[in-house]
Protein backbone atom coordinates (compact mmCIF):
# COMPACT_ATOMS: atom_id res chain seq x y z
CA MET A 1 -8.17 -46.54 44.32
CA SER A 2 -8.71 -45.21 41.06
CA TYR A 3 -9.86 -41.97 38.93
CA MET A 4 -11.54 -41.69 36.27
CA LEU A 5 -11.72 -38.86 33.33
CA LEU A 6 -13.91 -38.77 30.50
CA TRP A 7 -11.37 -36.71 27.24
CA MET A 8 -13.74 -34.60 24.54
CA ASN A 9 -13.71 -32.03 22.38
CA CYS A 10 -15.64 -28.98 23.79
CA GLY A 11 -19.11 -28.38 21.65
CA GLU A 12 -18.31 -25.13 21.13
CA CYS A 13 -14.64 -24.49 20.33
CA GLY A 14 -13.47 -27.22 19.27
CA LYS A 15 -10.46 -27.90 22.72
CA LEU A 16 -9.57 -30.46 23.91
CA PHE A 17 -10.59 -30.86 27.96
CA ALA A 18 -10.63 -33.50 30.95
CA SER A 19 -13.94 -33.88 32.80
CA ASN A 20 -15.97 -36.22 34.94
CA PRO A 21 -18.21 -37.03 32.54
CA HIS A 22 -21.09 -37.33 35.29
CA LYS A 23 -20.25 -33.49 36.82
CA VAL A 24 -20.04 -31.88 33.09
CA PRO A 25 -22.36 -29.43 31.63
CA SER A 26 -23.40 -30.83 28.34
CA ILE A 27 -26.67 -31.21 25.41
CA ASP A 28 -28.12 -34.64 25.91
CA ARG A 29 -24.88 -36.20 27.96
CA LYS A 30 -23.09 -36.80 24.49
CA ILE A 31 -22.05 -32.96 23.44
CA ALA A 32 -19.98 -31.68 26.32
CA PHE A 33 -18.82 -28.29 27.23
CA CYS A 34 -15.30 -27.47 28.27
CA LYS A 35 -15.06 -24.67 31.37
CA GLU A 36 -13.67 -21.39 29.60
CA CYS A 37 -17.02 -21.83 27.15
CA ILE A 38 -19.21 -21.90 29.40
CA VAL A 39 -18.09 -18.79 31.76
CA ARG A 40 -18.41 -17.30 28.32
CA ALA A 41 -21.97 -18.26 27.80
CA ASN A 42 -22.48 -17.26 31.00
CA ASP A 43 -21.41 -13.77 30.97
CA GLN A 44 -24.16 -13.84 27.91
CA ARG A 45 -26.69 -14.53 29.48
CA ILE A 46 -27.09 -13.05 32.02
CA ALA A 47 -25.90 -9.68 29.94
CA MET A 48 -29.35 -10.98 28.68
CA GLY A 49 -30.81 -11.22 31.52
CA LEU A 50 -30.88 -15.20 31.87
CA GLU A 51 -30.15 -17.54 34.58
CA PRO A 52 -26.62 -18.40 34.28
CA ILE A 53 -25.33 -22.37 33.66
CA ALA A 54 -24.55 -24.27 36.75
CA ILE A 55 -21.00 -25.62 36.92
CA HIS A 56 -21.16 -28.67 39.78
CA PRO A 57 -17.55 -27.79 41.53
CA GLU A 58 -16.40 -31.45 40.51
CA ALA A 59 -17.36 -30.87 36.71
CA TYR A 60 -13.68 -30.85 35.38
CA GLU A 61 -12.60 -32.92 38.11
CA PRO A 62 -11.69 -36.66 38.14
CA VAL A 63 -14.22 -38.62 39.34
CA LYS A 64 -13.25 -42.12 42.13
CA ASP A 65 -13.71 -44.96 41.19
């Protein structure tokens, strides 16, 4: 059994992070965001009365291939 992770730089902070390419929060599957930036964005969204961005439980976990 093999596993896959997508390594990329966060579209917000630039930090290198690993993610599941099928589950990570992204824009058009081209610009992905690290968990810390999504959590920070959700705090701001909630404060503005907006719905938080859903974070899939497997978004930052390896994909079983």
